[in-house]
Amino acid sequence: MKIFAPLLFLFLTFFCSCTPNLENSGSKGTTIKSEVIISEKEKAINKVVKDAYAVISFKKGTTPDYEAMRALFTSNATLYNFRGDSLKFYYIDEFITGFNASIDSGNLIAFEEVELGGETEFFGNIGHRISAYASYINGAEEIGEKGVNSFQVMKVSGKWLINSLVWDIEKNGQPIPERYIIKN
């Protein structure tokens, strides 16, 4: 018993010194912040998507750089739009022609689209970025439209290009999933 008491004392001293004091920490648990590592492949996919948002955006009195837009897409890239009641389908050149017609007619005098957040996945030479977005139309400060873009990308001759873009807008009863929106 004489040996047991000092051993118990040492054990309790050691145990208490190794146990965090949550009472004084200001929290009920320990939070460990870890840095998220993004691969070079994911960075490249995210960049082509970021560049797509930048190239479609333009200020009043200017127009988009359509050649820069074409350079981000494969030559036969397809775009599918669920904005209305039915699916609209375009090849990249048809989309550009329609977008430019809206500008030429004066219906669209400024446009900005920004990413709100999203998720990227890839395997080998294929990838996907699901991306929540907000659009500002004709210089308005309030959001004109929110939705989700689905970019399918592929690596062609060492460069990531958009091969397909499908999008739908936020509608009554169809909110953007929270996991696609970055929290600040």
C-alpha atoms as a PDB file:
ATOM      1  CA  MET A   1       0.000   0.000   0.000  1.00  0.00           C
ATOM      2  CA  LYS A   2       2.937   2.299   0.718  1.00  0.00           C
ATOM      3  CA  ILE A   3       4.155   1.886  -2.888  1.00  0.00           C
ATOM      4  CA  PHE A   4       0.670   2.167  -4.374  1.00  0.00           C
ATOM      5  CA  ALA A   5      -0.060   5.668  -2.976  1.00  0.00           C
ATOM      6  CA  PRO A   6       3.023   7.355  -4.556  1.00  0.00           C
ATOM      7  CA  LEU A   7       2.348   5.592  -7.885  1.00  0.00           C
ATOM      8  CA  LEU A   8      -1.274   6.718  -7.833  1.00  0.00           C
ATOM      9  CA  PHE A   9      -0.123  10.274  -7.061  1.00  0.00           C
ATOM     10  CA  LEU A  10       2.347  10.205 -10.006  1.00  0.00           C
ATOM     11  CA  PHE A  11      -0.265   8.780 -12.340  1.00  0.00           C
ATOM     12  CA  LEU A  12      -2.868  11.406 -11.387  1.00  0.00           C
ATOM     13  CA  THR A  13      -0.285  14.201 -11.692  1.00  0.00           C
ATOM     14  CA  PHE A  14       0.733  12.996 -15.153  1.00  0.00           C
ATOM     15  CA  PHE A  15      -2.867  12.466 -16.285  1.00  0.00           C
ATOM     16  CA  CYS A  16      -4.001  15.913 -15.125  1.00  0.00           C
ATOM     17  CA  SER A  17      -1.034  17.624 -16.747  1.00  0.00           C
ATOM     18  CA  CYS A  18      -1.828  15.977 -20.101  1.00  0.00           C
ATOM     19  CA  THR A  19      -5.571  16.689 -20.051  1.00  0.00           C
ATOM     20  CA  PRO A  20      -6.530  20.056 -21.563  1.00  0.00           C
ATOM     21  CA  ASN A  21      -8.214  22.483 -19.205  1.00  0.00           C
ATOM     22  CA  LEU A  22     -11.416  23.178 -21.115  1.00  0.00           C
ATOM     23  CA  GLU A  23     -12.833  25.207 -18.283  1.00  0.00           C
ATOM     24  CA  ASN A  24     -10.351  28.030 -18.884  1.00  0.00           C
ATOM     25  CA  SER A  25     -10.061  27.705 -22.649  1.00  0.00           C
ATOM     26  CA  GLY A  26     -13.289  29.536 -23.441  1.00  0.00           C
ATOM     27  CA  SER A  27     -14.609  26.624 -25.478  1.00  0.00           C
ATOM     28  CA  LYS A  28     -16.219  23.282 -24.893  1.00  0.00           C
ATOM     29  CA  GLY A  29     -13.751  21.469 -27.116  1.00  0.00           C
ATOM     30  CA  THR A  30     -10.482  21.823 -28.900  1.00  0.00           C
ATOM     31  CA  THR A  31     -10.561  23.071 -32.478  1.00  0.00           C
ATOM     32  CA  ILE A  32      -7.745  22.188 -34.792  1.00  0.00           C
ATOM     33  CA  LYS A  33      -7.453  24.303 -37.900  1.00  0.00           C
ATOM     34  CA  SER A  34      -5.831  22.585 -40.808  1.00  0.00           C
ATOM     35  CA  GLU A  35      -4.704  24.028 -44.085  1.00  0.00           C
ATOM     36  CA  VAL A  36      -6.454  22.589 -47.123  1.00  0.00           C
ATOM     37  CA  ILE A  37      -3.977  21.520 -49.761  1.00  0.00           C
ATOM     38  CA  ILE A  38      -5.167  22.048 -53.326  1.00  0.00           C
ATOM     39  CA  SER A  39      -3.407  20.078 -56.046  1.00  0.00           C
ATOM     40  CA  GLU A  40      -1.967  21.717 -59.150  1.00  0.00           C
ATOM     41  CA  LYS A  41      -4.604  19.913 -61.219  1.00  0.00           C
ATOM     42  CA  GLU A  42      -7.444  21.348 -59.115  1.00  0.00           C
ATOM     43  CA  LYS A  43      -5.897  24.822 -59.280  1.00  0.00           C
ATOM     44  CA  ALA A  44      -5.738  24.574 -63.082  1.00  0.00           C
ATOM     45  CA  ILE A  45      -9.385  23.457 -63.337  1.00  0.00           C
ATOM     46  CA  ASN A  46     -10.504  26.224 -60.971  1.00  0.00           C
ATOM     47  CA  LYS A  47      -8.530  28.761 -63.022  1.00  0.00           C
ATOM     48  CA  VAL A  48     -10.243  27.891 -66.314  1.00  0.00           C
ATOM     49  CA  VAL A  49     -13.608  28.325 -64.556  1.00  0.00           C
ATOM     50  CA  LYS A  50     -12.505  31.639 -63.010  1.00  0.00           C
ATOM     51  CA  ASP A  51     -11.320  32.776 -66.436  1.00  0.00           C
ATOM     52  CA  ALA A  52     -14.714  31.840 -67.939  1.00  0.00           C
ATOM     53  CA  TYR A  53     -16.465  34.096 -65.420  1.00  0.00           C
ATOM     54  CA  ALA A  54     -14.027  36.907 -66.166  1.00  0.00           C
ATOM     55  CA  VAL A  55     -14.308  36.687 -69.950  1.00  0.00           C
ATOM     56  CA  ILE A  56     -18.123  36.714 -70.080  1.00  0.00           C
ATOM     57  CA  SER A  57     -18.249  39.774 -67.805  1.00  0.00           C
ATOM     58  CA  PHE A  58     -18.065  43.251 -69.328  1.00  0.00           C
ATOM     59  CA  LYS A  59     -18.715  46.846 -68.305  1.00  0.00           C
ATOM     60  CA  LYS A  60     -20.994  49.371 -70.012  1.00  0.00           C
ATOM     61  CA  GLY A  61     -19.421  50.682 -73.204  1.00  0.00           C
ATOM     62  CA  THR A  62     -17.303  47.548 -73.764  1.00  0.00           C
ATOM     63  CA  THR A  63     -17.903  44.056 -75.107  1.00  0.00           C
ATOM     64  CA  PRO A  64     -16.576  40.660 -74.102  1.00  0.00           C
ATOM     65  CA  ASP A  65     -13.426  39.311 -75.720  1.00  0.00           C
ATOM     66  CA  TYR A  66     -15.019  36.522 -77.756  1.00  0.00           C
ATOM     67  CA  GLU A  67     -11.707  35.092 -78.963  1.00  0.00           C
ATOM     68  CA  ALA A  68     -10.537  34.773 -75.338  1.00  0.00           C
ATOM     69  CA  MET A  69     -13.883  33.114 -74.584  1.00  0.00           C
ATOM     70  CA  ARG A  70     -13.454  30.625 -77.445  1.00  0.00           C
ATOM     71  CA  ALA A  71      -9.914  29.856 -76.237  1.00  0.00           C
ATOM     72  CA  LEU A  72     -11.321  28.524 -72.927  1.00  0.00           C
ATOM     73  CA  PHE A  73     -13.606  26.002 -74.649  1.00  0.00           C
ATOM     74  CA  THR A  74     -13.035  23.019 -76.908  1.00  0.00           C
ATOM     75  CA  SER A  75     -13.981  23.806 -80.521  1.00  0.00           C
ATOM     76  CA  ASN A  76     -17.278  21.875 -80.299  1.00  0.00           C
ATOM     77  CA  ALA A  77     -18.095  22.684 -76.687  1.00  0.00           C
ATOM     78  CA  THR A  78     -21.753  22.483 -75.746  1.00  0.00           C
ATOM     79  CA  LEU A  79     -23.767  24.703 -73.429  1.00  0.00           C
ATOM     80  CA  TYR A  80     -27.085  23.629 -71.905  1.00  0.00           C
ATOM     81  CA  ASN A  81     -29.339  26.139 -70.226  1.00  0.00           C
ATOM     82  CA  PHE A  82     -32.263  25.320 -67.916  1.00  0.00           C
ATOM     83  CA  ARG A  83     -33.124  28.973 -67.190  1.00  0.00           C
ATOM     84  CA  GLY A  84     -36.620  28.809 -68.660  1.00  0.00           C
ATOM     85  CA  ASP A  85     -39.272  26.138 -68.830  1.00  0.00           C
ATOM     86  CA  SER A  86     -37.369  24.063 -71.364  1.00  0.00           C
ATOM     87  CA  LEU A  87     -33.795  23.091 -72.094  1.00  0.00           C
ATOM     88  CA  LYS A  88     -31.853  25.327 -74.473  1.00  0.00           C
ATOM     89  CA  PHE A  89     -28.822  23.886 -76.256  1.00  0.00           C
ATOM     90  CA  TYR A  90     -25.952  25.744 -77.950  1.00  0.00           C
ATOM     91  CA  TYR A  91     -22.543  25.080 -79.371  1.00  0.00           C
ATOM     92  CA  ILE A  92     -20.025  27.645 -78.169  1.00  0.00           C
ATOM     93  CA  ASP A  93     -20.195  29.699 -81.392  1.00  0.00           C
ATOM     94  CA  GLU A  94     -24.016  29.771 -81.269  1.00  0.00           C
ATOM     95  CA  PHE A  95     -23.898  30.907 -77.646  1.00  0.00           C
ATOM     96  CA  ILE A  96     -21.473  33.710 -78.516  1.00  0.00           C
ATOM     97  CA  THR A  97     -23.661  34.799 -81.459  1.00  0.00           C
ATOM     98  CA  GLY A  98     -26.764  34.959 -79.222  1.00  0.00           C
ATOM     99  CA  PHE A  99     -24.914  36.738 -76.402  1.00  0.00           C
ATOM    100  CA  ASN A 100     -23.527  39.290 -78.854  1.00  0.00           C
ATOM    101  CA  ALA A 101     -27.001  39.802 -80.386  1.00  0.00           C
ATOM    102  CA  SER A 102     -28.310  40.754 -76.916  1.00  0.00           C
ATOM    103  CA  ILE A 103     -25.522  43.322 -76.628  1.00  0.00           C
ATOM    104  CA  ASP A 104     -26.004  44.694 -80.160  1.00  0.00           C
ATOM    105  CA  SER A 105     -29.767  45.089 -79.590  1.00  0.00           C
ATOM    106  CA  GLY A 106     -29.157  47.090 -76.415  1.00  0.00           C
ATOM    107  CA  ASN A 107     -30.909  44.530 -74.200  1.00  0.00           C
ATOM    108  CA  LEU A 108     -27.619  43.767 -72.460  1.00  0.00           C
ATOM    109  CA  ILE A 109     -25.361  46.765 -71.797  1.00  0.00           C
ATOM    110  CA  ALA A 110     -23.257  45.349 -68.964  1.00  0.00           C
ATOM    111  CA  PHE A 111     -22.876  41.950 -67.363  1.00  0.00           C
ATOM    112  CA  GLU A 112     -20.901  40.528 -64.482  1.00  0.00           C
ATOM    113  CA  GLU A 113     -20.953  36.947 -63.283  1.00  0.00           C
ATOM    114  CA  VAL A 114     -19.063  35.879 -60.173  1.00  0.00           C
ATOM    115  CA  GLU A 115     -18.530  32.567 -58.472  1.00  0.00           C
ATOM    116  CA  LEU A 116     -20.020  32.204 -54.993  1.00  0.00           C
ATOM    117  CA  GLY A 117     -18.303  28.878 -54.315  1.00  0.00           C
ATOM    118  CA  GLY A 118     -18.255  25.321 -55.501  1.00  0.00           C
ATOM    119  CA  GLU A 119     -16.558  21.941 -55.609  1.00  0.00           C
ATOM    120  CA  THR A 120     -13.969  20.461 -57.981  1.00  0.00           C
ATOM    121  CA  GLU A 121     -13.379  16.809 -58.809  1.00  0.00           C
ATOM    122  CA  PHE A 122     -11.046  15.215 -61.324  1.00  0.00           C
ATOM    123  CA  PHE A 123      -9.576  11.981 -62.542  1.00  0.00           C
ATOM    124  CA  GLY A 124      -6.747  11.767 -65.052  1.00  0.00           C
ATOM    125  CA  ASN A 125      -7.503  14.158 -67.897  1.00  0.00           C
ATOM    126  CA  ILE A 126     -11.137  14.865 -67.007  1.00  0.00           C
ATOM    127  CA  GLY A 127     -12.595  17.138 -64.381  1.00  0.00           C
ATOM    128  CA  HIS A 128     -15.738  18.802 -63.135  1.00  0.00           C
ATOM    129  CA  ARG A 129     -16.423  22.032 -61.275  1.00  0.00           C
ATOM    130  CA  ILE A 130     -19.874  22.632 -59.860  1.00  0.00           C
ATOM    131  CA  SER A 131     -20.039  26.342 -59.242  1.00  0.00           C
ATOM    132  CA  ALA A 132     -22.661  28.550 -57.623  1.00  0.00           C
ATOM    133  CA  TYR A 133     -22.811  31.964 -59.275  1.00  0.00           C
ATOM    134  CA  ALA A 134     -24.426  35.379 -59.083  1.00  0.00           C
ATOM    135  CA  SER A 135     -25.073  37.595 -62.108  1.00  0.00           C
ATOM    136  CA  TYR A 136     -25.321  41.373 -62.136  1.00  0.00           C
ATOM    137  CA  ILE A 137     -27.168  42.575 -65.226  1.00  0.00           C
ATOM    138  CA  ASN A 138     -26.889  45.989 -66.915  1.00  0.00           C
ATOM    139  CA  GLY A 139     -24.771  47.493 -64.156  1.00  0.00           C
ATOM    140  CA  ALA A 140     -27.232  46.753 -61.340  1.00  0.00           C
ATOM    141  CA  GLU A 141     -25.772  46.531 -57.848  1.00  0.00           C
ATOM    142  CA  GLU A 142     -28.256  43.876 -56.752  1.00  0.00           C
ATOM    143  CA  ILE A 143     -28.028  40.302 -57.954  1.00  0.00           C
ATOM    144  CA  GLY A 144     -30.127  39.737 -61.061  1.00  0.00           C
ATOM    145  CA  GLU A 145     -29.839  35.971 -61.041  1.00  0.00           C
ATOM    146  CA  LYS A 146     -28.260  33.207 -58.988  1.00  0.00           C
ATOM    147  CA  GLY A 147     -27.737  29.653 -60.043  1.00  0.00           C
ATOM    148  CA  VAL A 148     -25.378  26.745 -60.430  1.00  0.00           C
ATOM    149  CA  ASN A 149     -23.022  26.074 -63.339  1.00  0.00           C
ATOM    150  CA  SER A 150     -21.687  22.600 -63.997  1.00  0.00           C
ATOM    151  CA  PHE A 151     -18.397  22.797 -65.940  1.00  0.00           C
ATOM    152  CA  GLN A 152     -17.075  19.590 -67.487  1.00  0.00           C
ATOM    153  CA  VAL A 153     -13.432  20.061 -68.406  1.00  0.00           C
ATOM    154  CA  MET A 154     -10.763  18.013 -70.109  1.00  0.00           C
ATOM    155  CA  LYS A 155      -7.057  18.333 -70.632  1.00  0.00           C
ATOM    156  CA  VAL A 156      -6.266  18.768 -74.314  1.00  0.00           C
ATOM    157  CA  SER A 157      -2.673  19.199 -75.491  1.00  0.00           C
ATOM    158  CA  GLY A 158      -1.581  20.064 -71.947  1.00  0.00           C
ATOM    159  CA  LYS A 159      -4.298  22.694 -71.377  1.00  0.00           C
ATOM    160  CA  TRP A 160      -7.555  22.418 -69.397  1.00  0.00           C
ATOM    161  CA  LEU A 161     -10.542  23.392 -71.550  1.00  0.00           C
ATOM    162  CA  ILE A 162     -14.281  23.502 -70.946  1.00  0.00           C
ATOM    163  CA  ASN A 163     -16.012  20.837 -73.010  1.00  0.00           C
ATOM    164  CA  SER A 164     -19.508  21.283 -71.645  1.00  0.00           C
ATOM    165  CA  LEU A 165     -21.362  23.767 -69.491  1.00  0.00           C
ATOM    166  CA  VAL A 166     -24.786  23.090 -68.011  1.00  0.00           C
ATOM    167  CA  TRP A 167     -26.592  25.580 -65.806  1.00  0.00           C
ATOM    168  CA  ASP A 168     -29.825  26.160 -63.972  1.00  0.00           C
ATOM    169  CA  ILE A 169     -31.040  29.104 -61.944  1.00  0.00           C
ATOM    170  CA  GLU A 170     -32.247  29.362 -58.398  1.00  0.00           C
ATOM    171  CA  LYS A 171     -36.030  29.186 -58.422  1.00  0.00           C
ATOM    172  CA  ASN A 172     -38.819  29.114 -55.869  1.00  0.00           C
ATOM    173  CA  GLY A 173     -38.410  25.753 -54.157  1.00  0.00           C
ATOM    174  CA  GLN A 174     -34.974  25.230 -55.728  1.00  0.00           C
ATOM    175  CA  PRO A 175     -32.387  27.048 -53.600  1.00  0.00           C
ATOM    176  CA  ILE A 176     -28.647  26.723 -54.185  1.00  0.00           C
ATOM    177  CA  PRO A 177     -27.247  24.051 -51.838  1.00  0.00           C
ATOM    178  CA  GLU A 178     -25.357  25.658 -48.958  1.00  0.00           C
ATOM    179  CA  ARG A 179     -22.285  23.506 -49.574  1.00  0.00           C
ATOM    180  CA  TYR A 180     -21.741  25.310 -52.902  1.00  0.00           C
ATOM    181  CA  ILE A 181     -21.556  28.738 -51.281  1.00  0.00           C
ATOM    182  CA  ILE A 182     -18.384  29.988 -49.587  1.00  0.00           C
ATOM    183  CA  LYS A 183     -18.872  31.283 -46.051  1.00  0.00           C
ATOM    184  CA  ASN A 184     -16.771  34.277 -44.987  1.00  0.00           C
END
